[in-house]
Amino acid sequence: METQSSASPVSSKGEAPHADVRADVRADVDADVRADVTAEAAPAAAAPKRTLAVSSEAVEAIRRQVLKRKTPDAAIRVGVRGGGCSGFSYVIEYDDKPPRTGDIVMEFAEEGKATVRVFCDKKSLLYLQSSVLDWEKTLMYTGFKFKNPQEASRCGCGHSFTVA
């Protein structure tokens, strides 16, 4: 193990022999660090936010359900909870309160129709980003369905999933 002395050698000019080299290296390193930070920050600022999409069929289904419930100011809260057959389960529920601090709020307004609001907390968005909330109506099933590209597998019930 090397130990360093606190005293610096001094040249005949009265300065440390490698002081100018250390200063140049320090300046280069500082410039590189500043360039790296700027390079990393610039694309992040320019990159679009990844969020959850809601299909037009799902928006209409939400609008119908909220009007049927007679709570036009209500929103639908979507999210992910731990649990279920496969590790995580999707959550879709009514929310009659204002959005929570940090929620992502999506509003879908159409002329002459009630505005549809969908809330999602930031933690759930990590698992739902780039997903589409859709409304599916088949002979076997009618309801909301998440189309999530992050799903590695889904339980047979369709309500729980694992991520890759």
C-alpha atoms as a PDB file:
ATOM      1  CA  MET A   1       0.000   0.000   0.000  1.00  0.00           C
ATOM      2  CA  GLU A   2       1.364   3.390  -0.933  1.00  0.00           C
ATOM      3  CA  THR A   3       1.164   6.333   1.361  1.00  0.00           C
ATOM      4  CA  GLN A   4       1.257   9.885   0.167  1.00  0.00           C
ATOM      5  CA  SER A   5       3.136  12.612   1.891  1.00  0.00           C
ATOM      6  CA  SER A   6       1.300  15.823   2.566  1.00  0.00           C
ATOM      7  CA  ALA A   7       4.367  17.818   1.530  1.00  0.00           C
ATOM      8  CA  SER A   8       4.706  18.359  -2.240  1.00  0.00           C
ATOM      9  CA  PRO A   9       8.041  18.415  -3.938  1.00  0.00           C
ATOM     10  CA  VAL A  10       8.960  21.899  -5.121  1.00  0.00           C
ATOM     11  CA  SER A  11      10.777  22.724  -8.343  1.00  0.00           C
ATOM     12  CA  SER A  12      13.498  25.296  -8.700  1.00  0.00           C
ATOM     13  CA  LYS A  13      10.805  27.795  -9.720  1.00  0.00           C
ATOM     14  CA  GLY A  14       9.068  27.313  -6.374  1.00  0.00           C
ATOM     15  CA  GLU A  15       6.106  25.262  -7.658  1.00  0.00           C
ATOM     16  CA  ALA A  16       5.188  21.599  -7.612  1.00  0.00           C
ATOM     17  CA  PRO A  17       6.744  19.846 -10.653  1.00  0.00           C
ATOM     18  CA  HIS A  18       3.484  18.309 -11.872  1.00  0.00           C
ATOM     19  CA  ALA A  19       1.080  21.017 -10.784  1.00  0.00           C
ATOM     20  CA  ASP A  20       0.441  22.202 -14.339  1.00  0.00           C
ATOM     21  CA  VAL A  21      -0.150  18.615 -15.553  1.00  0.00           C
ATOM     22  CA  ARG A  22      -2.558  17.934 -12.672  1.00  0.00           C
ATOM     23  CA  ALA A  23      -4.397  21.183 -13.395  1.00  0.00           C
ATOM     24  CA  ASP A  24      -4.730  20.250 -17.088  1.00  0.00           C
ATOM     25  CA  VAL A  25      -5.968  16.740 -16.235  1.00  0.00           C
ATOM     26  CA  ARG A  26      -8.424  18.151 -13.691  1.00  0.00           C
ATOM     27  CA  ALA A  27      -9.701  20.665 -16.281  1.00  0.00           C
ATOM     28  CA  ASP A  28     -10.064  17.890 -18.893  1.00  0.00           C
ATOM     29  CA  VAL A  29     -11.891  15.617 -16.455  1.00  0.00           C
ATOM     30  CA  ASP A  30     -14.187  18.460 -15.362  1.00  0.00           C
ATOM     31  CA  ALA A  31     -14.930  19.297 -19.000  1.00  0.00           C
ATOM     32  CA  ASP A  32     -15.625  15.612 -19.788  1.00  0.00           C
ATOM     33  CA  VAL A  33     -17.947  15.298 -16.793  1.00  0.00           C
ATOM     34  CA  ARG A  34     -19.797  18.468 -17.771  1.00  0.00           C
ATOM     35  CA  ALA A  35     -20.095  17.194 -21.364  1.00  0.00           C
ATOM     36  CA  ASP A  36     -21.376  13.800 -20.156  1.00  0.00           C
ATOM     37  CA  VAL A  37     -23.954  15.400 -17.861  1.00  0.00           C
ATOM     38  CA  THR A  38     -25.098  17.742 -20.640  1.00  0.00           C
ATOM     39  CA  ALA A  39     -25.233  14.888 -23.162  1.00  0.00           C
ATOM     40  CA  GLU A  40     -27.302  12.761 -20.773  1.00  0.00           C
ATOM     41  CA  ALA A  41     -29.615  15.617 -19.763  1.00  0.00           C
ATOM     42  CA  ALA A  42     -30.326  16.857 -23.280  1.00  0.00           C
ATOM     43  CA  PRO A  43     -31.899  13.652 -24.688  1.00  0.00           C
ATOM     44  CA  ALA A  44     -33.849  13.104 -21.474  1.00  0.00           C
ATOM     45  CA  ALA A  45     -35.374  16.560 -21.752  1.00  0.00           C
ATOM     46  CA  ALA A  46     -36.144  16.084 -25.450  1.00  0.00           C
ATOM     47  CA  ALA A  47     -37.466  12.511 -25.114  1.00  0.00           C
ATOM     48  CA  PRO A  48     -41.257  12.202 -25.033  1.00  0.00           C
ATOM     49  CA  LYS A  49     -42.787  11.037 -21.794  1.00  0.00           C
ATOM     50  CA  ARG A  50     -43.797   7.412 -21.915  1.00  0.00           C
ATOM     51  CA  THR A  51     -47.333   7.017 -20.723  1.00  0.00           C
ATOM     52  CA  LEU A  52     -50.397   4.857 -20.882  1.00  0.00           C
ATOM     53  CA  ALA A  53     -52.676   5.099 -23.917  1.00  0.00           C
ATOM     54  CA  VAL A  54     -56.447   4.692 -23.744  1.00  0.00           C
ATOM     55  CA  SER A  55     -58.297   3.480 -26.835  1.00  0.00           C
ATOM     56  CA  SER A  56     -61.339   5.355 -28.105  1.00  0.00           C
ATOM     57  CA  GLU A  57     -63.483   2.286 -27.288  1.00  0.00           C
ATOM     58  CA  ALA A  58     -62.235   2.389 -23.683  1.00  0.00           C
ATOM     59  CA  VAL A  59     -62.937   6.132 -23.438  1.00  0.00           C
ATOM     60  CA  GLU A  60     -66.517   5.566 -24.593  1.00  0.00           C
ATOM     61  CA  ALA A  61     -66.946   2.660 -22.160  1.00  0.00           C
ATOM     62  CA  ILE A  62     -65.646   4.792 -19.280  1.00  0.00           C
ATOM     63  CA  ARG A  63     -67.990   7.612 -20.282  1.00  0.00           C
ATOM     64  CA  ARG A  64     -70.975   5.219 -20.326  1.00  0.00           C
ATOM     65  CA  GLN A  65     -70.071   3.703 -16.955  1.00  0.00           C
ATOM     66  CA  VAL A  66     -69.522   7.055 -15.234  1.00  0.00           C
ATOM     67  CA  LEU A  67     -72.824   8.447 -16.595  1.00  0.00           C
ATOM     68  CA  LYS A  68     -74.652   5.245 -15.648  1.00  0.00           C
ATOM     69  CA  ARG A  69     -73.255   5.620 -12.131  1.00  0.00           C
ATOM     70  CA  LYS A  70     -74.506   9.249 -12.091  1.00  0.00           C
ATOM     71  CA  THR A  71     -71.132  10.638 -11.012  1.00  0.00           C
ATOM     72  CA  PRO A  72     -70.038  12.786 -13.966  1.00  0.00           C
ATOM     73  CA  ASP A  73     -67.041  14.197 -12.069  1.00  0.00           C
ATOM     74  CA  ALA A  74     -65.670  10.751 -11.227  1.00  0.00           C
ATOM     75  CA  ALA A  75     -62.554   9.369 -12.841  1.00  0.00           C
ATOM     76  CA  ILE A  76     -61.212   5.906 -13.440  1.00  0.00           C
ATOM     77  CA  ARG A  77     -58.034   4.999 -11.568  1.00  0.00           C
ATOM     78  CA  VAL A  78     -55.803   2.421 -13.216  1.00  0.00           C
ATOM     79  CA  GLY A  79     -52.783   0.844 -11.638  1.00  0.00           C
ATOM     80  CA  VAL A  80     -50.856  -2.220 -10.661  1.00  0.00           C
ATOM     81  CA  ARG A  81     -50.786  -4.006  -7.302  1.00  0.00           C
ATOM     82  CA  GLY A  82     -48.593  -6.810  -6.119  1.00  0.00           C
ATOM     83  CA  GLY A  83     -50.397 -10.122  -5.868  1.00  0.00           C
ATOM     84  CA  GLY A  84     -52.588 -12.292  -7.981  1.00  0.00           C
ATOM     85  CA  CYS A  85     -51.722 -15.596  -9.602  1.00  0.00           C
ATOM     86  CA  SER A  86     -48.701 -14.282 -11.501  1.00  0.00           C
ATOM     87  CA  GLY A  87     -47.167 -11.619  -9.262  1.00  0.00           C
ATOM     88  CA  PHE A  88     -48.943  -8.395 -10.267  1.00  0.00           C
ATOM     89  CA  SER A  89     -52.584  -7.612 -10.875  1.00  0.00           C
ATOM     90  CA  TYR A  90     -54.207  -4.803 -12.804  1.00  0.00           C
ATOM     91  CA  VAL A  91     -56.437  -2.375 -10.935  1.00  0.00           C
ATOM     92  CA  ILE A  92     -59.319  -0.449 -12.489  1.00  0.00           C
ATOM     93  CA  GLU A  93     -61.617   1.385 -10.087  1.00  0.00           C
ATOM     94  CA  TYR A  94     -63.754   4.496  -9.790  1.00  0.00           C
ATOM     95  CA  ASP A  95     -62.203   7.509  -8.082  1.00  0.00           C
ATOM     96  CA  ASP A  96     -64.562  10.230  -6.864  1.00  0.00           C
ATOM     97  CA  LYS A  97     -61.775  12.302  -5.295  1.00  0.00           C
ATOM     98  CA  PRO A  98     -59.364  14.736  -6.942  1.00  0.00           C
ATOM     99  CA  PRO A  99     -56.137  13.208  -8.251  1.00  0.00           C
ATOM    100  CA  ARG A 100     -53.442  12.451  -5.687  1.00  0.00           C
ATOM    101  CA  THR A 101     -50.177  14.361  -5.654  1.00  0.00           C
ATOM    102  CA  GLY A 102     -47.927  12.862  -8.317  1.00  0.00           C
ATOM    103  CA  ASP A 103     -50.720  11.183 -10.287  1.00  0.00           C
ATOM    104  CA  ILE A 104     -50.638  11.216 -14.056  1.00  0.00           C
ATOM    105  CA  VAL A 105     -53.966  12.658 -15.207  1.00  0.00           C
ATOM    106  CA  MET A 106     -55.274  11.932 -18.690  1.00  0.00           C
ATOM    107  CA  GLU A 107     -58.359  13.803 -19.882  1.00  0.00           C
ATOM    108  CA  PHE A 108     -60.387  12.947 -22.947  1.00  0.00           C
ATOM    109  CA  ALA A 109     -62.814  15.669 -23.969  1.00  0.00           C
ATOM    110  CA  GLU A 110     -65.193  15.652 -26.904  1.00  0.00           C
ATOM    111  CA  GLU A 111     -67.592  18.356 -27.963  1.00  0.00           C
ATOM    112  CA  GLY A 112     -70.994  17.794 -26.400  1.00  0.00           C
ATOM    113  CA  LYS A 113     -69.886  14.817 -24.285  1.00  0.00           C
ATOM    114  CA  ALA A 114     -68.728  14.428 -20.701  1.00  0.00           C
ATOM    115  CA  THR A 115     -64.961  14.641 -20.183  1.00  0.00           C
ATOM    116  CA  VAL A 116     -63.372  11.334 -19.254  1.00  0.00           C
ATOM    117  CA  ARG A 117     -60.501  11.383 -16.758  1.00  0.00           C
ATOM    118  CA  VAL A 118     -58.093   8.539 -16.071  1.00  0.00           C
ATOM    119  CA  PHE A 119     -55.645   8.659 -13.134  1.00  0.00           C
ATOM    120  CA  CYS A 120     -52.515   6.567 -12.761  1.00  0.00           C
ATOM    121  CA  ASP A 121     -49.901   6.758 -10.016  1.00  0.00           C
ATOM    122  CA  LYS A 122     -46.257   7.048 -11.064  1.00  0.00           C
ATOM    123  CA  LYS A 123     -45.211   3.740  -9.540  1.00  0.00           C
ATOM    124  CA  SER A 124     -47.843   1.846 -11.530  1.00  0.00           C
ATOM    125  CA  LEU A 125     -46.835   3.715 -14.662  1.00  0.00           C
ATOM    126  CA  LEU A 126     -43.456   1.975 -14.485  1.00  0.00           C
ATOM    127  CA  TYR A 127     -45.307  -1.272 -15.253  1.00  0.00           C
ATOM    128  CA  LEU A 128     -47.939   0.267 -17.535  1.00  0.00           C
ATOM    129  CA  GLN A 129     -45.896   2.618 -19.719  1.00  0.00           C
ATOM    130  CA  SER A 130     -46.439   2.035 -23.429  1.00  0.00           C
ATOM    131  CA  SER A 131     -49.557  -0.025 -22.595  1.00  0.00           C
ATOM    132  CA  VAL A 132     -53.001   0.509 -24.041  1.00  0.00           C
ATOM    133  CA  LEU A 133     -56.172   0.316 -21.970  1.00  0.00           C
ATOM    134  CA  ASP A 134     -58.745  -1.115 -24.326  1.00  0.00           C
ATOM    135  CA  TRP A 135     -62.401  -2.160 -24.176  1.00  0.00           C
ATOM    136  CA  GLU A 136     -63.080  -5.624 -25.450  1.00  0.00           C
ATOM    137  CA  LYS A 137     -66.461  -7.121 -26.240  1.00  0.00           C
ATOM    138  CA  THR A 138     -66.559 -10.742 -27.365  1.00  0.00           C
ATOM    139  CA  LEU A 139     -68.891 -13.688 -26.822  1.00  0.00           C
ATOM    140  CA  MET A 140     -66.738 -14.805 -23.878  1.00  0.00           C
ATOM    141  CA  TYR A 141     -65.713 -11.507 -22.308  1.00  0.00           C
ATOM    142  CA  THR A 142     -66.790  -7.896 -22.040  1.00  0.00           C
ATOM    143  CA  GLY A 143     -64.625  -5.423 -20.193  1.00  0.00           C
ATOM    144  CA  PHE A 144     -61.393  -3.521 -19.999  1.00  0.00           C
ATOM    145  CA  LYS A 145     -58.193  -5.179 -21.082  1.00  0.00           C
ATOM    146  CA  PHE A 146     -54.603  -3.964 -20.842  1.00  0.00           C
ATOM    147  CA  LYS A 147     -52.370  -4.546 -23.843  1.00  0.00           C
ATOM    148  CA  ASN A 148     -49.022  -4.355 -22.075  1.00  0.00           C
ATOM    149  CA  PRO A 149     -45.773  -4.878 -24.019  1.00  0.00           C
ATOM    150  CA  GLN A 150     -43.926  -5.409 -20.731  1.00  0.00           C
ATOM    151  CA  GLU A 151     -45.951  -8.532 -19.891  1.00  0.00           C
ATOM    152  CA  ALA A 152     -43.870 -11.684 -19.931  1.00  0.00           C
ATOM    153  CA  SER A 153     -46.866 -13.891 -19.133  1.00  0.00           C
ATOM    154  CA  ARG A 154     -50.467 -13.584 -18.069  1.00  0.00           C
ATOM    155  CA  CYS A 155     -52.585 -15.748 -15.833  1.00  0.00           C
ATOM    156  CA  GLY A 156     -55.537 -17.571 -17.361  1.00  0.00           C
ATOM    157  CA  CYS A 157     -57.931 -15.219 -15.557  1.00  0.00           C
ATOM    158  CA  GLY A 158     -56.416 -12.281 -17.482  1.00  0.00           C
ATOM    159  CA  HIS A 159     -56.157 -10.103 -14.383  1.00  0.00           C
ATOM    160  CA  SER A 160     -52.635 -10.892 -13.217  1.00  0.00           C
ATOM    161  CA  PHE A 161     -49.317 -10.886 -15.008  1.00  0.00           C
ATOM    162  CA  THR A 162     -45.536 -11.005 -14.719  1.00  0.00           C
ATOM    163  CA  VAL A 163     -43.096  -8.560 -16.271  1.00  0.00           C
ATOM    164  CA  ALA A 164     -40.008  -9.350 -18.285  1.00  0.00           C
END
